């Protein structure tokens, strides 16, 4: 069990809760109980220490609740104000940054990676769209679901690209789907080159501040504080243990957020970026 899985659980429960809300005019008390029961059962069966849920309906956050323990020793109950390191869930923010730049006419999803990074493998064939949709063929630099010893040391995006984006592709671009963290390192570098500023700074100005997502910080550079949930991992069937934080650079573009901030993002509608990536329609911002 890793902190990344715990966060995925928290946001998965958010999605499930939204689905449960359905077309009802309000979130009834009995539905609160059903959500609480489902969350408790998942924590019990997975061993995840805590989770945080925000239910969004009709553009409004209608229910927020935290479950479990943010820290096991000393025993600290989780609260809705606590932030989780959301890891790869941050990829949607990187994708949103690319789409905003496409809307600004500063790039196109069909631009080739070689326009900015010509020294990467087959950069003249791989498109931005293929990076975002995991169909580029670039090998994943982090297929393991834990922090390996070399990853305790800092790394730069360039070092990651040198190691994993300059070797032969795992398949021809656009012919297969394969999850790869390398894709989003490349996409983040392109956002920075096009915008002229760090990815997180771009997102703060164009997304987080405007949506009131005040809890979001760059977890690649700053670890969670003592008032936030502890990171845990589990070896086989052993007990949860405190997990080490990876070195700076490996989580480039990742962030931390509370369930409330995640809910603020969700209420703006996540379907539009997914649609644009998959069918090539012209990017359009949902108001």
C-alpha atoms as a PDB file:
ATOM      1  CA  UNK A   1       0.000   0.000   0.000  1.00  0.00           C
ATOM      2  CA  UNK A   2       1.412   3.372  -0.923  1.00  0.00           C
ATOM      3  CA  UNK A   3       0.372   6.961  -0.374  1.00  0.00           C
ATOM      4  CA  UNK A   4      -0.373   7.174  -4.106  1.00  0.00           C
ATOM      5  CA  UNK A   5      -2.899   4.358  -3.806  1.00  0.00           C
ATOM      6  CA  UNK A   6      -4.467   5.963  -0.736  1.00  0.00           C
ATOM      7  CA  UNK A   7      -5.025   9.185  -2.672  1.00  0.00           C
ATOM      8  CA  UNK A   8      -6.426   7.302  -5.637  1.00  0.00           C
ATOM      9  CA  UNK A   9      -8.861   5.703  -3.207  1.00  0.00           C
ATOM     10  CA  UNK A  10      -9.898   9.105  -1.888  1.00  0.00           C
ATOM     11  CA  UNK A  11     -10.659  10.518  -5.313  1.00  0.00           C
ATOM     12  CA  UNK A  12     -12.203   7.292  -6.561  1.00  0.00           C
ATOM     13  CA  UNK A  13     -14.635   7.469  -3.685  1.00  0.00           C
ATOM     14  CA  UNK A  14     -15.412  11.036  -4.748  1.00  0.00           C
ATOM     15  CA  UNK A  15     -16.399   9.820  -8.198  1.00  0.00           C
ATOM     16  CA  UNK A  16     -18.466   6.977  -6.772  1.00  0.00           C
ATOM     17  CA  UNK A  17     -20.214   9.372  -4.438  1.00  0.00           C
ATOM     18  CA  UNK A  18     -21.081  11.732  -7.291  1.00  0.00           C
ATOM     19  CA  UNK A  19     -22.574   8.822  -9.213  1.00  0.00           C
ATOM     20  CA  UNK A  20     -24.627   7.837  -6.197  1.00  0.00           C
ATOM     21  CA  UNK A  21     -26.011  11.366  -5.956  1.00  0.00           C
ATOM     22  CA  UNK A  22     -27.604  10.888  -9.375  1.00  0.00           C
ATOM     23  CA  UNK A  23     -30.419  13.181 -10.383  1.00  0.00           C
ATOM     24  CA  UNK A  24     -31.800  13.799  -6.921  1.00  0.00           C
ATOM     25  CA  UNK A  25     -32.590  17.379  -5.973  1.00  0.00           C
ATOM     26  CA  UNK A  26     -30.430  17.206  -2.835  1.00  0.00           C
ATOM     27  CA  UNK A  27     -28.115  14.800  -1.132  1.00  0.00           C
ATOM     28  CA  UNK A  28     -30.364  13.100   1.438  1.00  0.00           C
ATOM     29  CA  UNK A  29     -29.159  12.106   4.881  1.00  0.00           C
ATOM     30  CA  UNK A  30     -29.485   8.394   4.070  1.00  0.00           C
ATOM     31  CA  UNK A  31     -27.104   8.872   1.126  1.00  0.00           C
ATOM     32  CA  UNK A  32     -24.589  10.446   3.492  1.00  0.00           C
ATOM     33  CA  UNK A  33     -24.801   7.254   5.492  1.00  0.00           C
ATOM     34  CA  UNK A  34     -24.353   5.089   2.401  1.00  0.00           C
ATOM     35  CA  UNK A  35     -21.255   7.033   1.398  1.00  0.00           C
ATOM     36  CA  UNK A  36     -19.842   6.805   4.923  1.00  0.00           C
ATOM     37  CA  UNK A  37     -20.498   3.064   5.007  1.00  0.00           C
ATOM     38  CA  UNK A  38     -18.839   2.507   1.610  1.00  0.00           C
ATOM     39  CA  UNK A  39     -15.789   4.526   2.651  1.00  0.00           C
ATOM     40  CA  UNK A  40     -15.432   2.643   5.930  1.00  0.00           C
ATOM     41  CA  UNK A  41     -15.679  -0.710   4.134  1.00  0.00           C
ATOM     42  CA  UNK A  42     -12.986   0.242   1.602  1.00  0.00           C
ATOM     43  CA  UNK A  43     -10.615   1.412   4.334  1.00  0.00           C
ATOM     44  CA  UNK A  44     -11.224  -1.823   6.216  1.00  0.00           C
ATOM     45  CA  UNK A  45     -10.634  -4.122   3.230  1.00  0.00           C
ATOM     46  CA  UNK A  46      -7.619  -2.262   1.776  1.00  0.00           C
ATOM     47  CA  UNK A  47      -5.887  -1.232   4.988  1.00  0.00           C
ATOM     48  CA  UNK A  48      -5.590   2.352   3.768  1.00  0.00           C
ATOM     49  CA  UNK A  49      -5.277   4.581   6.858  1.00  0.00           C
ATOM     50  CA  UNK A  50      -7.470   7.437   5.628  1.00  0.00           C
ATOM     51  CA  UNK A  51      -9.493   8.965   2.803  1.00  0.00           C
ATOM     52  CA  UNK A  52     -11.255  12.228   2.086  1.00  0.00           C
ATOM     53  CA  UNK A  53     -14.400  12.626  -0.035  1.00  0.00           C
ATOM     54  CA  UNK A  54     -16.019  15.619  -1.707  1.00  0.00           C
ATOM     55  CA  UNK A  55     -19.333  15.140  -3.535  1.00  0.00           C
ATOM     56  CA  UNK A  56     -19.997  17.568  -6.394  1.00  0.00           C
ATOM     57  CA  UNK A  57     -23.460  17.941  -7.896  1.00  0.00           C
ATOM     58  CA  UNK A  58     -24.704  20.582 -10.329  1.00  0.00           C
ATOM     59  CA  UNK A  59     -21.547  22.599  -9.865  1.00  0.00           C
ATOM     60  CA  UNK A  60     -21.819  22.654  -6.100  1.00  0.00           C
ATOM     61  CA  UNK A  61     -19.962  20.784  -3.389  1.00  0.00           C
ATOM     62  CA  UNK A  62     -22.756  19.108  -1.456  1.00  0.00           C
ATOM     63  CA  UNK A  63     -20.870  16.809   0.903  1.00  0.00           C
ATOM     64  CA  UNK A  64     -17.342  16.698   2.312  1.00  0.00           C
ATOM     65  CA  UNK A  65     -16.123  14.128   4.826  1.00  0.00           C
ATOM     66  CA  UNK A  66     -12.862  12.599   6.032  1.00  0.00           C
ATOM     67  CA  UNK A  67     -12.374   9.035   7.226  1.00  0.00           C
ATOM     68  CA  UNK A  68      -9.772   7.125   9.189  1.00  0.00           C
ATOM     69  CA  UNK A  69      -6.462   8.211  10.670  1.00  0.00           C
ATOM     70  CA  UNK A  70      -4.149  10.755   9.089  1.00  0.00           C
ATOM     71  CA  UNK A  71      -1.333   9.366  11.245  1.00  0.00           C
ATOM     72  CA  UNK A  72      -1.137   6.038  13.071  1.00  0.00           C
ATOM     73  CA  UNK A  73       1.424   7.100  15.679  1.00  0.00           C
ATOM     74  CA  UNK A  74       0.323   9.247  17.369  1.00  0.00           C
ATOM     75  CA  UNK A  75      -3.249   8.453  16.421  1.00  0.00           C
ATOM     76  CA  UNK A  76      -4.542  11.495  14.512  1.00  0.00           C
ATOM     77  CA  UNK A  77      -8.012  11.567  12.948  1.00  0.00           C
ATOM     78  CA  UNK A  78      -8.184  12.745   9.335  1.00  0.00           C
ATOM     79  CA  UNK A  79     -10.008  16.009   8.641  1.00  0.00           C
ATOM     80  CA  UNK A  80     -11.427  17.494   5.444  1.00  0.00           C
ATOM     81  CA  UNK A  81      -8.917  20.347   5.550  1.00  0.00           C
ATOM     82  CA  UNK A  82      -5.945  17.980   5.285  1.00  0.00           C
ATOM     83  CA  UNK A  83      -4.112  17.730   1.969  1.00  0.00           C
ATOM     84  CA  UNK A  84      -3.068  14.551   0.189  1.00  0.00           C
ATOM     85  CA  UNK A  85      -0.190  14.115  -2.183  1.00  0.00           C
ATOM     86  CA  UNK A  86      -2.249  13.369  -5.286  1.00  0.00           C
ATOM     87  CA  UNK A  87       0.667  12.066  -7.357  1.00  0.00           C
ATOM     88  CA  UNK A  88      -0.312  10.964 -10.847  1.00  0.00           C
ATOM     89  CA  UNK A  89      -3.791  12.417 -10.477  1.00  0.00           C
ATOM     90  CA  UNK A  90      -1.944  15.694 -11.158  1.00  0.00           C
ATOM     91  CA  UNK A  91      -1.502  14.586 -14.772  1.00  0.00           C
ATOM     92  CA  UNK A  92      -4.899  16.066 -15.564  1.00  0.00           C
ATOM     93  CA  UNK A  93      -3.538  19.488 -14.592  1.00  0.00           C
ATOM     94  CA  UNK A  94      -0.595  19.086 -16.971  1.00  0.00           C
ATOM     95  CA  UNK A  95      -3.049  18.086 -19.703  1.00  0.00           C
ATOM     96  CA  UNK A  96      -5.197  21.125 -18.891  1.00  0.00           C
ATOM     97  CA  UNK A  97      -2.118  23.366 -19.221  1.00  0.00           C
ATOM     98  CA  UNK A  98      -1.458  21.957 -22.693  1.00  0.00           C
ATOM     99  CA  UNK A  99      -5.102  22.519 -23.671  1.00  0.00           C
ATOM    100  CA  UNK A 100      -5.024  26.101 -22.419  1.00  0.00           C
ATOM    101  CA  UNK A 101      -1.964  26.794 -24.555  1.00  0.00           C
ATOM    102  CA  UNK A 102      -3.759  25.176 -27.499  1.00  0.00           C
ATOM    103  CA  UNK A 103      -6.699  27.473 -26.860  1.00  0.00           C
ATOM    104  CA  UNK A 104      -4.252  30.392 -26.827  1.00  0.00           C
ATOM    105  CA  UNK A 105      -3.051  29.228 -30.284  1.00  0.00           C
ATOM    106  CA  UNK A 106       0.482  28.808 -28.956  1.00  0.00           C
ATOM    107  CA  UNK A 107       0.582  25.129 -29.855  1.00  0.00           C
ATOM    108  CA  UNK A 108      -1.511  22.385 -31.409  1.00  0.00           C
ATOM    109  CA  UNK A 109      -2.233  18.929 -30.066  1.00  0.00           C
ATOM    110  CA  UNK A 110      -0.981  17.612 -33.390  1.00  0.00           C
ATOM    111  CA  UNK A 111       2.375  19.386 -33.106  1.00  0.00           C
ATOM    112  CA  UNK A 112       5.306  17.001 -33.040  1.00  0.00           C
ATOM    113  CA  UNK A 113       7.438  16.731 -29.909  1.00  0.00           C
ATOM    114  CA  UNK A 114      10.459  17.528 -32.072  1.00  0.00           C
ATOM    115  CA  UNK A 115       9.283  21.118 -32.393  1.00  0.00           C
ATOM    116  CA  UNK A 116      10.670  21.674 -28.891  1.00  0.00           C
ATOM    117  CA  UNK A 117      12.683  18.535 -28.090  1.00  0.00           C
ATOM    118  CA  UNK A 118      14.235  17.316 -31.360  1.00  0.00           C
ATOM    119  CA  UNK A 119      16.771  15.051 -29.642  1.00  0.00           C
ATOM    120  CA  UNK A 120      14.155  12.662 -28.208  1.00  0.00           C
ATOM    121  CA  UNK A 121      13.530   9.318 -29.894  1.00  0.00           C
ATOM    122  CA  UNK A 122      11.385   9.700 -33.028  1.00  0.00           C
ATOM    123  CA  UNK A 123      10.475  13.206 -31.894  1.00  0.00           C
ATOM    124  CA  UNK A 124       9.450  14.057 -35.436  1.00  0.00           C
ATOM    125  CA  UNK A 125       6.700  11.430 -35.289  1.00  0.00           C
ATOM    126  CA  UNK A 126       5.282  11.640 -31.742  1.00  0.00           C
ATOM    127  CA  UNK A 127       2.569  14.269 -31.201  1.00  0.00           C
ATOM    128  CA  UNK A 128       1.433  16.117 -28.096  1.00  0.00           C
ATOM    129  CA  UNK A 129      -1.894  14.313 -28.399  1.00  0.00           C
ATOM    130  CA  UNK A 130      -0.086  10.968 -28.179  1.00  0.00           C
ATOM    131  CA  UNK A 131       1.812  12.091 -25.082  1.00  0.00           C
ATOM    132  CA  UNK A 132      -1.395  13.049 -23.287  1.00  0.00           C
ATOM    133  CA  UNK A 133      -3.304   9.932 -24.359  1.00  0.00           C
ATOM    134  CA  UNK A 134      -0.475   7.511 -23.469  1.00  0.00           C
ATOM    135  CA  UNK A 135      -0.008   6.313 -27.041  1.00  0.00           C
ATOM    136  CA  UNK A 136       3.465   7.725 -27.783  1.00  0.00           C
ATOM    137  CA  UNK A 137       5.543   4.604 -27.141  1.00  0.00           C
ATOM    138  CA  UNK A 138       7.929   6.299 -24.690  1.00  0.00           C
ATOM    139  CA  UNK A 139       8.919   3.869 -21.930  1.00  0.00           C
ATOM    140  CA  UNK A 140       7.662   4.494 -18.391  1.00  0.00           C
ATOM    141  CA  UNK A 141      10.427   5.600 -16.031  1.00  0.00           C
ATOM    142  CA  UNK A 142       8.396   4.582 -12.957  1.00  0.00           C
ATOM    143  CA  UNK A 143       6.450   1.339 -13.486  1.00  0.00           C
ATOM    144  CA  UNK A 144       6.985   0.305  -9.854  1.00  0.00           C
ATOM    145  CA  UNK A 145       4.439   1.409  -7.260  1.00  0.00           C
ATOM    146  CA  UNK A 146       7.042   2.334  -4.663  1.00  0.00           C
ATOM    147  CA  UNK A 147      10.088   4.585  -4.344  1.00  0.00           C
ATOM    148  CA  UNK A 148      13.231   2.735  -5.450  1.00  0.00           C
ATOM    149  CA  UNK A 149      16.536   3.701  -3.755  1.00  0.00           C
ATOM    150  CA  UNK A 150      17.847   5.713  -6.771  1.00  0.00           C
ATOM    151  CA  UNK A 151      14.682   7.795  -6.653  1.00  0.00           C
ATOM    152  CA  UNK A 152      15.532   9.083  -3.195  1.00  0.00           C
ATOM    153  CA  UNK A 153      18.097  11.281  -4.959  1.00  0.00           C
ATOM    154  CA  UNK A 154      17.035  14.420  -6.878  1.00  0.00           C
ATOM    155  CA  UNK A 155      16.625  14.339 -10.641  1.00  0.00           C
ATOM    156  CA  UNK A 156      15.826  16.852 -13.356  1.00  0.00           C
ATOM    157  CA  UNK A 157      13.307  16.433 -16.189  1.00  0.00           C
ATOM    158  CA  UNK A 158      16.250  16.445 -18.583  1.00  0.00           C
ATOM    159  CA  UNK A 159      17.873  13.541 -16.753  1.00  0.00           C
ATOM    160  CA  UNK A 160      14.603  11.597 -16.885  1.00  0.00           C
ATOM    161  CA  UNK A 161      14.245  12.279 -20.606  1.00  0.00           C
ATOM    162  CA  UNK A 162      17.870  11.319 -21.197  1.00  0.00           C
ATOM    163  CA  UNK A 163      17.279   7.970 -19.529  1.00  0.00           C
ATOM    164  CA  UNK A 164      13.865   7.020 -20.907  1.00  0.00           C
ATOM    165  CA  UNK A 165      12.992   9.219 -23.893  1.00  0.00           C
ATOM    166  CA  UNK A 166      16.188   8.683 -25.899  1.00  0.00           C
ATOM    167  CA  UNK A 167      15.962   4.901 -26.056  1.00  0.00           C
ATOM    168  CA  UNK A 168      13.929   2.905 -28.614  1.00  0.00           C
ATOM    169  CA  UNK A 169      10.168   3.280 -28.268  1.00  0.00           C
ATOM    170  CA  UNK A 170       8.170   0.388 -26.821  1.00  0.00           C
ATOM    171  CA  UNK A 171       5.901   0.541 -29.900  1.00  0.00           C
ATOM    172  CA  UNK A 172       5.233   2.710 -32.936  1.00  0.00           C
ATOM    173  CA  UNK A 173       3.515   6.003 -32.044  1.00  0.00           C
ATOM    174  CA  UNK A 174      -0.256   5.772 -32.028  1.00  0.00           C
ATOM    175  CA  UNK A 175      -0.445   1.987 -32.404  1.00  0.00           C
ATOM    176  CA  UNK A 176      -0.911   0.989 -28.746  1.00  0.00           C
ATOM    177  CA  UNK A 177      -1.803   2.356 -25.332  1.00  0.00           C
ATOM    178  CA  UNK A 178       0.662   2.094 -22.445  1.00  0.00           C
ATOM    179  CA  UNK A 179       0.719   4.108 -19.245  1.00  0.00           C
ATOM    180  CA  UNK A 180       3.949   6.072 -19.021  1.00  0.00           C
ATOM    181  CA  UNK A 181       4.981   8.777 -16.578  1.00  0.00           C
ATOM    182  CA  UNK A 182       7.637   9.798 -19.105  1.00  0.00           C
ATOM    183  CA  UNK A 183       4.938  11.204 -21.389  1.00  0.00           C
ATOM    184  CA  UNK A 184       3.917  13.781 -18.831  1.00  0.00           C
ATOM    185  CA  UNK A 185       7.459  14.796 -17.963  1.00  0.00           C
ATOM    186  CA  UNK A 186       7.882  15.619 -21.652  1.00  0.00           C
ATOM    187  CA  UNK A 187       4.529  17.411 -21.768  1.00  0.00           C
ATOM    188  CA  UNK A 188       5.438  19.475 -18.689  1.00  0.00           C
ATOM    189  CA  UNK A 189       8.750  20.536 -20.256  1.00  0.00           C
ATOM    190  CA  UNK A 190       6.915  21.624 -23.408  1.00  0.00           C
ATOM    191  CA  UNK A 191       4.414  23.657 -21.369  1.00  0.00           C
ATOM    192  CA  UNK A 192       7.307  25.429 -19.658  1.00  0.00           C
ATOM    193  CA  UNK A 193       9.067  26.189 -22.932  1.00  0.00           C
ATOM    194  CA  UNK A 194       5.936  27.502 -24.600  1.00  0.00           C
ATOM    195  CA  UNK A 195       4.664  29.525 -21.621  1.00  0.00           C
ATOM    196  CA  UNK A 196       8.078  30.748 -20.501  1.00  0.00           C
ATOM    197  CA  UNK A 197       7.428  29.849 -16.872  1.00  0.00           C
ATOM    198  CA  UNK A 198       7.489  26.792 -14.548  1.00  0.00           C
ATOM    199  CA  UNK A 199       4.491  24.486 -14.955  1.00  0.00           C
ATOM    200  CA  UNK A 200       3.235  25.020 -11.408  1.00  0.00           C
ATOM    201  CA  UNK A 201       3.456  28.797 -11.786  1.00  0.00           C
ATOM    202  CA  UNK A 202       1.469  28.596 -15.018  1.00  0.00           C
ATOM    203  CA  UNK A 203      -1.204  26.451 -13.331  1.00  0.00           C
ATOM    204  CA  UNK A 204      -1.385  28.758 -10.326  1.00  0.00           C
ATOM    205  CA  UNK A 205      -2.096  31.738 -12.554  1.00  0.00           C
ATOM    206  CA  UNK A 206      -4.426  30.098 -15.044  1.00  0.00           C
ATOM    207  CA  UNK A 207      -6.222  27.458 -12.968  1.00  0.00           C
ATOM    208  CA  UNK A 208      -5.724  27.146  -9.212  1.00  0.00           C
ATOM    209  CA  UNK A 209      -6.083  30.797  -8.173  1.00  0.00           C
ATOM    210  CA  UNK A 210      -9.066  31.387 -10.442  1.00  0.00           C
ATOM    211  CA  UNK A 211     -10.898  28.348  -9.071  1.00  0.00           C
ATOM    212  CA  UNK A 212     -10.098  29.140  -5.441  1.00  0.00           C
ATOM    213  CA  UNK A 213      -8.009  25.981  -5.023  1.00  0.00           C
ATOM    214  CA  UNK A 214      -6.064  27.434  -2.120  1.00  0.00           C
ATOM    215  CA  UNK A 215      -4.733  24.168  -0.681  1.00  0.00           C
ATOM    216  CA  UNK A 216      -2.745  23.129  -3.777  1.00  0.00           C
ATOM    217  CA  UNK A 217       1.058  23.228  -3.474  1.00  0.00           C
ATOM    218  CA  UNK A 218       3.915  21.678  -5.432  1.00  0.00           C
ATOM    219  CA  UNK A 219       4.648  18.416  -3.614  1.00  0.00           C
ATOM    220  CA  UNK A 220       7.654  17.734  -5.809  1.00  0.00           C
ATOM    221  CA  UNK A 221       9.475  20.531  -4.022  1.00  0.00           C
ATOM    222  CA  UNK A 222       7.812  20.505  -0.594  1.00  0.00           C
ATOM    223  CA  UNK A 223       6.787  17.486   1.477  1.00  0.00           C
ATOM    224  CA  UNK A 224       3.482  17.383   3.295  1.00  0.00           C
ATOM    225  CA  UNK A 225       3.572  19.132   6.657  1.00  0.00           C
ATOM    226  CA  UNK A 226       2.849  17.761  10.154  1.00  0.00           C
ATOM    227  CA  UNK A 227      -0.788  18.801   9.835  1.00  0.00           C
ATOM    228  CA  UNK A 228      -1.349  16.601   6.784  1.00  0.00           C
ATOM    229  CA  UNK A 229      -1.726  12.810   6.411  1.00  0.00           C
ATOM    230  CA  UNK A 230       1.412  10.696   6.795  1.00  0.00           C
ATOM    231  CA  UNK A 231       2.720   8.724   3.806  1.00  0.00           C
ATOM    232  CA  UNK A 232       2.537   4.954   4.320  1.00  0.00           C
ATOM    233  CA  UNK A 233       3.546   1.809   2.476  1.00  0.00           C
ATOM    234  CA  UNK A 234       3.132  -1.868   3.182  1.00  0.00           C
ATOM    235  CA  UNK A 235       5.476  -4.799   2.494  1.00  0.00           C
ATOM    236  CA  UNK A 236       3.390  -7.850   1.500  1.00  0.00           C
ATOM    237  CA  UNK A 237       1.049  -8.542   4.435  1.00  0.00           C
ATOM    238  CA  UNK A 238       3.068  -6.513   6.935  1.00  0.00           C
ATOM    239  CA  UNK A 239       1.811  -3.464   8.824  1.00  0.00           C
ATOM    240  CA  UNK A 240       1.789   0.049   7.340  1.00  0.00           C
ATOM    241  CA  UNK A 241       5.165   1.793   7.580  1.00  0.00           C
ATOM    242  CA  UNK A 242       6.095   5.401   7.001  1.00  0.00           C
ATOM    243  CA  UNK A 243       7.015   5.830   3.339  1.00  0.00           C
ATOM    244  CA  UNK A 244      10.026   7.876   2.218  1.00  0.00           C
ATOM    245  CA  UNK A 245       9.546  10.907  -0.004  1.00  0.00           C
ATOM    246  CA  UNK A 246      11.096  10.675  -3.452  1.00  0.00           C
ATOM    247  CA  UNK A 247      13.844  13.134  -4.364  1.00  0.00           C
ATOM    248  CA  UNK A 248      12.949  16.456  -5.975  1.00  0.00           C
ATOM    249  CA  UNK A 249      12.251  16.202  -9.690  1.00  0.00           C
ATOM    250  CA  UNK A 250      10.799  12.691  -9.885  1.00  0.00           C
ATOM    251  CA  UNK A 251       7.287  13.990  -9.253  1.00  0.00           C
ATOM    252  CA  UNK A 252       7.669  16.960 -11.582  1.00  0.00           C
ATOM    253  CA  UNK A 253       4.283  18.613 -11.942  1.00  0.00           C
ATOM    254  CA  UNK A 254       2.698  16.704  -9.054  1.00  0.00           C
ATOM    255  CA  UNK A 255       0.805  18.472  -6.316  1.00  0.00           C
ATOM    256  CA  UNK A 256      -1.072  18.123  -3.064  1.00  0.00           C
ATOM    257  CA  UNK A 257      -4.679  19.128  -2.496  1.00  0.00           C
ATOM    258  CA  UNK A 258      -7.544  18.685  -0.089  1.00  0.00           C
ATOM    259  CA  UNK A 259     -10.724  16.927  -1.175  1.00  0.00           C
ATOM    260  CA  UNK A 260     -12.405  20.342  -1.170  1.00  0.00           C
ATOM    261  CA  UNK A 261      -9.919  21.719  -3.711  1.00  0.00           C
ATOM    262  CA  UNK A 262     -10.293  18.573  -5.800  1.00  0.00           C
ATOM    263  CA  UNK A 263     -14.030  19.144  -5.690  1.00  0.00           C
ATOM    264  CA  UNK A 264     -13.610  22.726  -6.892  1.00  0.00           C
ATOM    265  CA  UNK A 265     -11.690  21.379  -9.887  1.00  0.00           C
ATOM    266  CA  UNK A 266     -14.225  18.611 -10.538  1.00  0.00           C
ATOM    267  CA  UNK A 267     -17.199  20.963 -10.542  1.00  0.00           C
ATOM    268  CA  UNK A 268     -15.730  22.782 -13.538  1.00  0.00           C
ATOM    269  CA  UNK A 269     -16.196  19.663 -15.676  1.00  0.00           C
ATOM    270  CA  UNK A 270     -13.388  17.247 -16.538  1.00  0.00           C
ATOM    271  CA  UNK A 271     -15.088  15.748 -19.600  1.00  0.00           C
ATOM    272  CA  UNK A 272     -14.040  18.503 -22.002  1.00  0.00           C
ATOM    273  CA  UNK A 273     -10.250  17.914 -21.790  1.00  0.00           C
ATOM    274  CA  UNK A 274     -10.747  14.147 -22.177  1.00  0.00           C
ATOM    275  CA  UNK A 275     -12.983  14.651 -25.215  1.00  0.00           C
ATOM    276  CA  UNK A 276     -10.509  16.998 -26.862  1.00  0.00           C
ATOM    277  CA  UNK A 277      -7.607  14.594 -26.367  1.00  0.00           C
ATOM    278  CA  UNK A 278      -9.459  11.593 -27.719  1.00  0.00           C
ATOM    279  CA  UNK A 279     -11.346  12.822 -30.756  1.00  0.00           C
ATOM    280  CA  UNK A 280      -9.402  15.838 -31.917  1.00  0.00           C
ATOM    281  CA  UNK A 281     -12.173  18.391 -31.530  1.00  0.00           C
ATOM    282  CA  UNK A 282     -11.152  22.007 -31.209  1.00  0.00           C
ATOM    283  CA  UNK A 283     -10.239  22.841 -27.588  1.00  0.00           C
ATOM    284  CA  UNK A 284     -12.861  24.860 -25.763  1.00  0.00           C
ATOM    285  CA  UNK A 285     -12.964  25.951 -22.155  1.00  0.00           C
ATOM    286  CA  UNK A 286     -16.067  25.128 -20.158  1.00  0.00           C
ATOM    287  CA  UNK A 287     -17.299  28.167 -18.280  1.00  0.00           C
END
